[in-house]
Amino acid sequence: MGAISGAMMNICPESERVYLAPAEYVDSDHPAIVAAAWAICGPARTDSEKARAIYYYVREIVYHAADFADLNSYRASHVLHAGHGYCGAKASLFAALCRASGLPARLLFADVTNHIATPQTRAKFGSSLYAWHGYNEVMIGDRWVKVSPTFNSSMCRKIGVAPLEFDGVSDACLQAFDEAGNTFLTYEKFHGAFHDVPAKFLAAEMYRLYPGVCAAIRDGEFPLPVELRREV
């Protein structure tokens, strides 16, 4: 894998080389991440093909909230091993697999409004606004492309939203509409790009913004998705 990263370093703009480097939570140098990147991208030949292969792999990691105070839950190698994670954790894994494959990648965070949130969900969160949603940008060729490998396809079917597809060329941001044509998600405020997950900040911020939800997650009141129940 080092040879791939080294080759990419020769063509990656100087200012973007930091996004090839491993970090504390985007631990792209972890042996399990390196091995997974090789396995996922083995048949791929172009940057676009690599990015698509990694996107679909991470997208199908089961979306499930973890205790935000558990800093290890943000670590890419942990998400890979666990097989589930929430949006920021899955974005960490996507970035790590991209970097291990020689693709510069970074994390983006934004606040989004969920227009089809159930009354129960709105009551738990106190609003329909979800702060600090995590997603990614990956460099394909000489430009940054946005991807949101957040919701696995089985979850999308459950909530009536078509799974988000990625062609390896165009931005693939969260679905604006559900399958019935209702407005689903709207990006409201962007918080910028990050080399690593700001895990300690997110842990504190989620507890500040959503104390009830965080307490429920911590106390195990959020049931595991069906895909995970067989494993515990």
C-alpha atoms as a PDB file:
ATOM      1  CA  MET A   1       0.000   0.000   0.000  1.00  0.00           C
ATOM      2  CA  GLY A   2       2.892   2.333   0.621  1.00  0.00           C
ATOM      3  CA  ALA A   3       3.811   2.163  -3.071  1.00  0.00           C
ATOM      4  CA  ILE A   4       0.309   3.263  -4.064  1.00  0.00           C
ATOM      5  CA  SER A   5       0.339   6.170  -1.627  1.00  0.00           C
ATOM      6  CA  GLY A   6       3.802   7.160  -2.757  1.00  0.00           C
ATOM      7  CA  ALA A   7       2.735   7.239  -6.398  1.00  0.00           C
ATOM      8  CA  MET A   8      -0.236   9.392  -5.491  1.00  0.00           C
ATOM      9  CA  MET A   9       1.998  11.779  -3.559  1.00  0.00           C
ATOM     10  CA  ASN A  10       3.807  12.651  -6.802  1.00  0.00           C
ATOM     11  CA  ILE A  11       0.644  14.028  -8.455  1.00  0.00           C
ATOM     12  CA  CYS A  12      -1.328  15.237  -5.445  1.00  0.00           C
ATOM     13  CA  PRO A  13      -1.152  19.052  -5.057  1.00  0.00           C
ATOM     14  CA  GLU A  14       1.251  20.108  -2.313  1.00  0.00           C
ATOM     15  CA  SER A  15      -1.522  21.757  -0.308  1.00  0.00           C
ATOM     16  CA  GLU A  16      -3.615  18.578  -0.311  1.00  0.00           C
ATOM     17  CA  ARG A  17      -0.979  16.025   0.720  1.00  0.00           C
ATOM     18  CA  VAL A  18      -2.068  16.255   4.343  1.00  0.00           C
ATOM     19  CA  TYR A  19      -5.278  14.475   3.310  1.00  0.00           C
ATOM     20  CA  LEU A  20      -3.251  11.384   2.443  1.00  0.00           C
ATOM     21  CA  ALA A  21      -1.756  11.180   5.930  1.00  0.00           C
ATOM     22  CA  PRO A  22      -3.097   8.972   8.735  1.00  0.00           C
ATOM     23  CA  ALA A  23      -4.602  10.602  11.814  1.00  0.00           C
ATOM     24  CA  GLU A  24      -5.669   9.556  15.284  1.00  0.00           C
ATOM     25  CA  TYR A  25      -9.226   8.585  14.321  1.00  0.00           C
ATOM     26  CA  VAL A  26      -8.809   8.341  10.551  1.00  0.00           C
ATOM     27  CA  ASP A  27      -6.182   5.668  11.207  1.00  0.00           C
ATOM     28  CA  SER A  28      -5.461   4.810   7.591  1.00  0.00           C
ATOM     29  CA  ASP A  29      -2.172   3.140   8.549  1.00  0.00           C
ATOM     30  CA  HIS A  30      -3.902   0.530  10.734  1.00  0.00           C
ATOM     31  CA  PRO A  31      -3.157  -2.973   9.335  1.00  0.00           C
ATOM     32  CA  ALA A  32      -6.848  -3.872   9.142  1.00  0.00           C
ATOM     33  CA  ILE A  33      -7.625  -0.689   7.196  1.00  0.00           C
ATOM     34  CA  VAL A  34      -4.723  -1.290   4.810  1.00  0.00           C
ATOM     35  CA  ALA A  35      -5.826  -4.894   4.216  1.00  0.00           C
ATOM     36  CA  ALA A  36      -9.450  -3.867   3.674  1.00  0.00           C
ATOM     37  CA  ALA A  37      -8.438  -1.147   1.216  1.00  0.00           C
ATOM     38  CA  TRP A  38      -6.450  -3.658  -0.832  1.00  0.00           C
ATOM     39  CA  ALA A  39      -9.373  -6.087  -0.834  1.00  0.00           C
ATOM     40  CA  ILE A  40     -11.974  -3.465  -1.753  1.00  0.00           C
ATOM     41  CA  CYS A  41      -9.943  -1.723  -4.449  1.00  0.00           C
ATOM     42  CA  GLY A  42      -8.194  -4.780  -5.874  1.00  0.00           C
ATOM     43  CA  PRO A  43      -9.960  -4.767  -9.269  1.00  0.00           C
ATOM     44  CA  ALA A  44     -10.091  -0.956  -9.498  1.00  0.00           C
ATOM     45  CA  ARG A  45      -7.812   0.793 -11.955  1.00  0.00           C
ATOM     46  CA  THR A  46      -8.758   4.476 -11.777  1.00  0.00           C
ATOM     47  CA  ASP A  47      -9.281   6.901  -8.902  1.00  0.00           C
ATOM     48  CA  SER A  48     -12.973   7.015  -9.774  1.00  0.00           C
ATOM     49  CA  GLU A  49     -13.280   3.225  -9.605  1.00  0.00           C
ATOM     50  CA  LYS A  50     -11.483   3.121  -6.261  1.00  0.00           C
ATOM     51  CA  ALA A  51     -13.709   5.831  -4.794  1.00  0.00           C
ATOM     52  CA  ARG A  52     -16.882   4.058  -5.978  1.00  0.00           C
ATOM     53  CA  ALA A  53     -15.774   0.708  -4.565  1.00  0.00           C
ATOM     54  CA  ILE A  54     -14.969   2.268  -1.186  1.00  0.00           C
ATOM     55  CA  TYR A  55     -18.189   4.270  -1.184  1.00  0.00           C
ATOM     56  CA  TYR A  56     -20.422   1.227  -1.685  1.00  0.00           C
ATOM     57  CA  TYR A  57     -18.501  -0.770   0.892  1.00  0.00           C
ATOM     58  CA  VAL A  58     -18.879   1.941   3.534  1.00  0.00           C
ATOM     59  CA  ARG A  59     -22.463   2.754   2.575  1.00  0.00           C
ATOM     60  CA  GLU A  60     -23.488  -0.802   3.416  1.00  0.00           C
ATOM     61  CA  ILE A  61     -21.902  -0.625   6.865  1.00  0.00           C
ATOM     62  CA  VAL A  62     -24.995  -0.541   9.073  1.00  0.00           C
ATOM     63  CA  TYR A  63     -25.984   2.944  10.205  1.00  0.00           C
ATOM     64  CA  HIS A  64     -26.426   2.941  13.991  1.00  0.00           C
ATOM     65  CA  ALA A  65     -25.816   5.551  16.658  1.00  0.00           C
ATOM     66  CA  ALA A  66     -23.181   4.857  19.285  1.00  0.00           C
ATOM     67  CA  ASP A  67     -22.472   6.525  22.601  1.00  0.00           C
ATOM     68  CA  PHE A  68     -21.001   9.848  21.480  1.00  0.00           C
ATOM     69  CA  ALA A  69     -18.850   9.935  24.614  1.00  0.00           C
ATOM     70  CA  ASP A  70     -17.075   6.742  23.496  1.00  0.00           C
ATOM     71  CA  LEU A  71     -14.199   8.291  21.561  1.00  0.00           C
ATOM     72  CA  ASN A  72     -13.159   4.920  20.164  1.00  0.00           C
ATOM     73  CA  SER A  73     -16.456   4.736  18.249  1.00  0.00           C
ATOM     74  CA  TYR A  74     -15.154   7.470  15.905  1.00  0.00           C
ATOM     75  CA  ARG A  75     -12.031   5.491  14.989  1.00  0.00           C
ATOM     76  CA  ALA A  76     -12.050   4.051  11.468  1.00  0.00           C
ATOM     77  CA  SER A  77     -10.506   0.716  12.441  1.00  0.00           C
ATOM     78  CA  HIS A  78     -13.136   0.325  15.172  1.00  0.00           C
ATOM     79  CA  VAL A  79     -15.979   0.975  12.713  1.00  0.00           C
ATOM     80  CA  LEU A  80     -14.464  -1.538  10.293  1.00  0.00           C
ATOM     81  CA  HIS A  81     -14.338  -4.180  13.024  1.00  0.00           C
ATOM     82  CA  ALA A  82     -17.757  -3.392  14.514  1.00  0.00           C
ATOM     83  CA  GLY A  83     -19.574  -3.290  11.183  1.00  0.00           C
ATOM     84  CA  HIS A  84     -21.734  -0.335  12.196  1.00  0.00           C
ATOM     85  CA  GLY A  85     -21.485   3.336  13.059  1.00  0.00           C
ATOM     86  CA  TYR A  86     -23.241   6.672  12.813  1.00  0.00           C
ATOM     87  CA  CYS A  87     -22.595   9.209  10.040  1.00  0.00           C
ATOM     88  CA  GLY A  88     -19.395  10.734  11.447  1.00  0.00           C
ATOM     89  CA  ALA A  89     -17.931   7.325  12.229  1.00  0.00           C
ATOM     90  CA  LYS A  90     -18.709   6.025   8.737  1.00  0.00           C
ATOM     91  CA  ALA A  91     -17.138   9.165   7.266  1.00  0.00           C
ATOM     92  CA  SER A  92     -14.022   8.394   9.303  1.00  0.00           C
ATOM     93  CA  LEU A  93     -13.875   4.906   7.778  1.00  0.00           C
ATOM     94  CA  PHE A  94     -14.429   6.212   4.245  1.00  0.00           C
ATOM     95  CA  ALA A  95     -11.587   8.701   4.616  1.00  0.00           C
ATOM     96  CA  ALA A  96      -9.248   6.067   6.052  1.00  0.00           C
ATOM     97  CA  LEU A  97      -9.920   3.550   3.274  1.00  0.00           C
ATOM     98  CA  CYS A  98      -9.440   6.245   0.634  1.00  0.00           C
ATOM     99  CA  ARG A  99      -6.127   7.392   2.099  1.00  0.00           C
ATOM    100  CA  ALA A 100      -4.909   3.812   2.396  1.00  0.00           C
ATOM    101  CA  SER A 101      -5.728   3.450  -1.314  1.00  0.00           C
ATOM    102  CA  GLY A 102      -3.808   6.583  -2.314  1.00  0.00           C
ATOM    103  CA  LEU A 103      -6.822   8.887  -2.590  1.00  0.00           C
ATOM    104  CA  PRO A 104      -6.770  12.149  -0.625  1.00  0.00           C
ATOM    105  CA  ALA A 105      -9.921  12.343   1.489  1.00  0.00           C
ATOM    106  CA  ARG A 106     -11.244  14.563   4.243  1.00  0.00           C
ATOM    107  CA  LEU A 107     -14.275  14.900   6.488  1.00  0.00           C
ATOM    108  CA  LEU A 108     -17.001  17.511   6.111  1.00  0.00           C
ATOM    109  CA  PHE A 109     -19.603  18.444   8.706  1.00  0.00           C
ATOM    110  CA  ALA A 110     -22.937  20.204   8.261  1.00  0.00           C
ATOM    111  CA  ASP A 111     -26.249  20.715  10.019  1.00  0.00           C
ATOM    112  CA  VAL A 112     -29.179  19.091   8.198  1.00  0.00           C
ATOM    113  CA  THR A 113     -32.950  19.220   8.596  1.00  0.00           C
ATOM    114  CA  ASN A 114     -34.901  15.960   8.421  1.00  0.00           C
ATOM    115  CA  HIS A 115     -38.291  16.904   6.996  1.00  0.00           C
ATOM    116  CA  ILE A 116     -39.833  13.445   7.450  1.00  0.00           C
ATOM    117  CA  ALA A 117     -38.703  12.858  11.008  1.00  0.00           C
ATOM    118  CA  THR A 118     -41.357  11.145  13.106  1.00  0.00           C
ATOM    119  CA  PRO A 119     -42.950  13.050  15.999  1.00  0.00           C
ATOM    120  CA  GLN A 120     -41.176  10.650  18.358  1.00  0.00           C
ATOM    121  CA  THR A 121     -37.796  11.456  16.807  1.00  0.00           C
ATOM    122  CA  ARG A 122     -38.467  15.187  16.879  1.00  0.00           C
ATOM    123  CA  ALA A 123     -39.449  14.903  20.526  1.00  0.00           C
ATOM    124  CA  LYS A 124     -36.205  13.084  21.369  1.00  0.00           C
ATOM    125  CA  PHE A 125     -34.005  15.567  19.533  1.00  0.00           C
ATOM    126  CA  GLY A 126     -36.045  18.641  20.387  1.00  0.00           C
ATOM    127  CA  SER A 127     -36.193  19.634  16.698  1.00  0.00           C
ATOM    128  CA  SER A 128     -35.832  18.309  13.150  1.00  0.00           C
ATOM    129  CA  LEU A 129     -32.332  19.791  12.877  1.00  0.00           C
ATOM    130  CA  TYR A 130     -29.462  17.305  13.170  1.00  0.00           C
ATOM    131  CA  ALA A 131     -26.222  19.084  13.963  1.00  0.00           C
ATOM    132  CA  TRP A 132     -22.760  18.057  12.790  1.00  0.00           C
ATOM    133  CA  HIS A 133     -23.733  15.456  10.205  1.00  0.00           C
ATOM    134  CA  GLY A 134     -20.500  13.882   8.949  1.00  0.00           C
ATOM    135  CA  TYR A 135     -19.744  13.105   5.309  1.00  0.00           C
ATOM    136  CA  ASN A 136     -16.736  13.303   2.975  1.00  0.00           C
ATOM    137  CA  GLU A 137     -14.836  14.786   0.110  1.00  0.00           C
ATOM    138  CA  VAL A 138     -12.491  12.619  -1.929  1.00  0.00           C
ATOM    139  CA  MET A 139     -10.061  13.938  -4.531  1.00  0.00           C
ATOM    140  CA  ILE A 140     -10.687  12.362  -7.924  1.00  0.00           C
ATOM    141  CA  GLY A 141      -8.278  13.600 -10.529  1.00  0.00           C
ATOM    142  CA  ASP A 142      -7.704  17.227  -9.595  1.00  0.00           C
ATOM    143  CA  ARG A 143     -10.995  18.068  -7.892  1.00  0.00           C
ATOM    144  CA  TRP A 144     -12.844  17.344  -4.681  1.00  0.00           C
ATOM    145  CA  VAL A 145     -16.043  15.299  -4.946  1.00  0.00           C
ATOM    146  CA  LYS A 146     -18.575  15.119  -2.094  1.00  0.00           C
ATOM    147  CA  VAL A 147     -19.982  11.762  -0.932  1.00  0.00           C
ATOM    148  CA  SER A 148     -22.317  10.774   1.898  1.00  0.00           C
ATOM    149  CA  PRO A 149     -21.971   7.031   2.641  1.00  0.00           C
ATOM    150  CA  THR A 150     -24.389   7.389   5.546  1.00  0.00           C
ATOM    151  CA  PHE A 151     -27.516   5.272   5.122  1.00  0.00           C
ATOM    152  CA  ASN A 152     -27.209   1.591   4.215  1.00  0.00           C
ATOM    153  CA  SER A 153     -29.665   0.326   1.610  1.00  0.00           C
ATOM    154  CA  SER A 154     -31.797  -1.722   4.028  1.00  0.00           C
ATOM    155  CA  MET A 155     -32.328   1.351   6.200  1.00  0.00           C
ATOM    156  CA  CYS A 156     -33.257   3.395   3.128  1.00  0.00           C
ATOM    157  CA  ARG A 157     -35.904   0.824   2.186  1.00  0.00           C
ATOM    158  CA  LYS A 158     -37.286   0.981   5.727  1.00  0.00           C
ATOM    159  CA  ILE A 159     -37.760   4.767   5.652  1.00  0.00           C
ATOM    160  CA  GLY A 160     -38.929   4.936   2.019  1.00  0.00           C
ATOM    161  CA  VAL A 161     -35.879   6.603   0.498  1.00  0.00           C
ATOM    162  CA  ALA A 162     -33.941   5.340  -2.516  1.00  0.00           C
ATOM    163  CA  PRO A 163     -30.369   4.347  -1.605  1.00  0.00           C
ATOM    164  CA  LEU A 164     -27.878   7.056  -2.545  1.00  0.00           C
ATOM    165  CA  GLU A 165     -25.838   6.089  -5.603  1.00  0.00           C
ATOM    166  CA  PHE A 166     -22.369   7.354  -6.540  1.00  0.00           C
ATOM    167  CA  ASP A 167     -20.961   7.310 -10.078  1.00  0.00           C
ATOM    168  CA  GLY A 168     -17.402   8.144  -9.061  1.00  0.00           C
ATOM    169  CA  VAL A 169     -17.591  11.518 -10.816  1.00  0.00           C
ATOM    170  CA  SER A 170     -20.450  13.655  -9.472  1.00  0.00           C
ATOM    171  CA  ASP A 171     -21.259  14.732  -5.916  1.00  0.00           C
ATOM    172  CA  ALA A 172     -23.434  12.278  -3.983  1.00  0.00           C
ATOM    173  CA  CYS A 173     -24.909  14.226  -1.077  1.00  0.00           C
ATOM    174  CA  LEU A 174     -27.733  13.078   1.169  1.00  0.00           C
ATOM    175  CA  GLN A 175     -31.075  12.493  -0.521  1.00  0.00           C
ATOM    176  CA  ALA A 176     -33.143  15.655  -0.948  1.00  0.00           C
ATOM    177  CA  PHE A 177     -36.403  13.723  -1.494  1.00  0.00           C
ATOM    178  CA  ASP A 178     -37.927  10.422  -0.472  1.00  0.00           C
ATOM    179  CA  GLU A 179     -39.455   7.948  -2.946  1.00  0.00           C
ATOM    180  CA  ALA A 180     -42.852   9.666  -2.659  1.00  0.00           C
ATOM    181  CA  GLY A 181     -41.353  12.994  -3.683  1.00  0.00           C
ATOM    182  CA  ASN A 182     -41.518  14.533  -0.222  1.00  0.00           C
ATOM    183  CA  THR A 183     -38.648  16.750   0.868  1.00  0.00           C
ATOM    184  CA  PHE A 184     -36.350  14.566   2.962  1.00  0.00           C
ATOM    185  CA  LEU A 185     -33.096  16.262   3.967  1.00  0.00           C
ATOM    186  CA  THR A 186     -31.855  19.817   3.571  1.00  0.00           C
ATOM    187  CA  TYR A 187     -28.314  21.006   4.258  1.00  0.00           C
ATOM    188  CA  GLU A 188     -28.560  24.101   6.446  1.00  0.00           C
ATOM    189  CA  LYS A 189     -25.114  25.107   7.727  1.00  0.00           C
ATOM    190  CA  PHE A 190     -21.644  23.941   6.732  1.00  0.00           C
ATOM    191  CA  HIS A 191     -18.885  23.628   9.320  1.00  0.00           C
ATOM    192  CA  GLY A 192     -15.940  23.114   6.984  1.00  0.00           C
ATOM    193  CA  ALA A 193     -13.421  20.388   6.122  1.00  0.00           C
ATOM    194  CA  PHE A 194     -11.339  18.422   8.623  1.00  0.00           C
ATOM    195  CA  HIS A 195      -8.257  16.224   8.425  1.00  0.00           C
ATOM    196  CA  ASP A 196      -9.441  14.123  11.372  1.00  0.00           C
ATOM    197  CA  VAL A 197     -12.634  13.579  13.339  1.00  0.00           C
ATOM    198  CA  PRO A 198     -12.956  16.301  16.013  1.00  0.00           C
ATOM    199  CA  ALA A 199     -14.005  13.534  18.364  1.00  0.00           C
ATOM    200  CA  LYS A 200     -13.648  15.272  21.720  1.00  0.00           C
ATOM    201  CA  PHE A 201     -15.550  18.291  20.443  1.00  0.00           C
ATOM    202  CA  LEU A 202     -18.336  16.130  18.976  1.00  0.00           C
ATOM    203  CA  ALA A 203     -18.649  14.126  22.176  1.00  0.00           C
ATOM    204  CA  ALA A 204     -19.187  17.314  24.178  1.00  0.00           C
ATOM    205  CA  GLU A 205     -21.320  19.064  21.552  1.00  0.00           C
ATOM    206  CA  MET A 206     -23.760  16.178  21.106  1.00  0.00           C
ATOM    207  CA  TYR A 207     -24.322  15.995  24.856  1.00  0.00           C
ATOM    208  CA  ARG A 208     -24.848  19.765  24.950  1.00  0.00           C
ATOM    209  CA  LEU A 209     -27.307  19.807  22.053  1.00  0.00           C
ATOM    210  CA  TYR A 210     -29.105  16.485  22.582  1.00  0.00           C
ATOM    211  CA  PRO A 211     -28.779  15.427  26.220  1.00  0.00           C
ATOM    212  CA  GLY A 212     -31.899  13.249  26.138  1.00  0.00           C
ATOM    213  CA  VAL A 213     -30.866  11.367  22.998  1.00  0.00           C
ATOM    214  CA  CYS A 214     -27.333  10.843  24.290  1.00  0.00           C
ATOM    215  CA  ALA A 215     -28.633   9.513  27.598  1.00  0.00           C
ATOM    216  CA  ALA A 216     -30.978   7.130  25.771  1.00  0.00           C
ATOM    217  CA  ILE A 217     -28.142   5.832  23.573  1.00  0.00           C
ATOM    218  CA  ARG A 218     -25.878   5.430  26.591  1.00  0.00           C
ATOM    219  CA  ASP A 219     -28.593   3.522  28.457  1.00  0.00           C
ATOM    220  CA  GLY A 220     -29.279   1.185  25.538  1.00  0.00           C
ATOM    221  CA  GLU A 221     -32.766   2.531  24.813  1.00  0.00           C
ATOM    222  CA  PHE A 222     -32.077   2.725  21.068  1.00  0.00           C
ATOM    223  CA  PRO A 223     -32.674  -0.830  19.772  1.00  0.00           C
ATOM    224  CA  LEU A 224     -30.117  -2.389  17.491  1.00  0.00           C
ATOM    225  CA  PRO A 225     -31.085  -2.543  13.803  1.00  0.00           C
ATOM    226  CA  VAL A 226     -32.296  -5.929  12.594  1.00  0.00           C
ATOM    227  CA  GLU A 227     -29.034  -6.421  10.680  1.00  0.00           C
ATOM    228  CA  LEU A 228     -27.084  -6.360  13.962  1.00  0.00           C
ATOM    229  CA  ARG A 229     -29.351  -8.289  16.281  1.00  0.00           C
ATOM    230  CA  ARG A 230     -28.153 -11.656  15.013  1.00  0.00           C
ATOM    231  CA  GLU A 231     -24.598 -10.746  15.998  1.00  0.00           C
ATOM    232  CA  VAL A 232     -25.156 -10.031  19.686  1.00  0.00           C
END
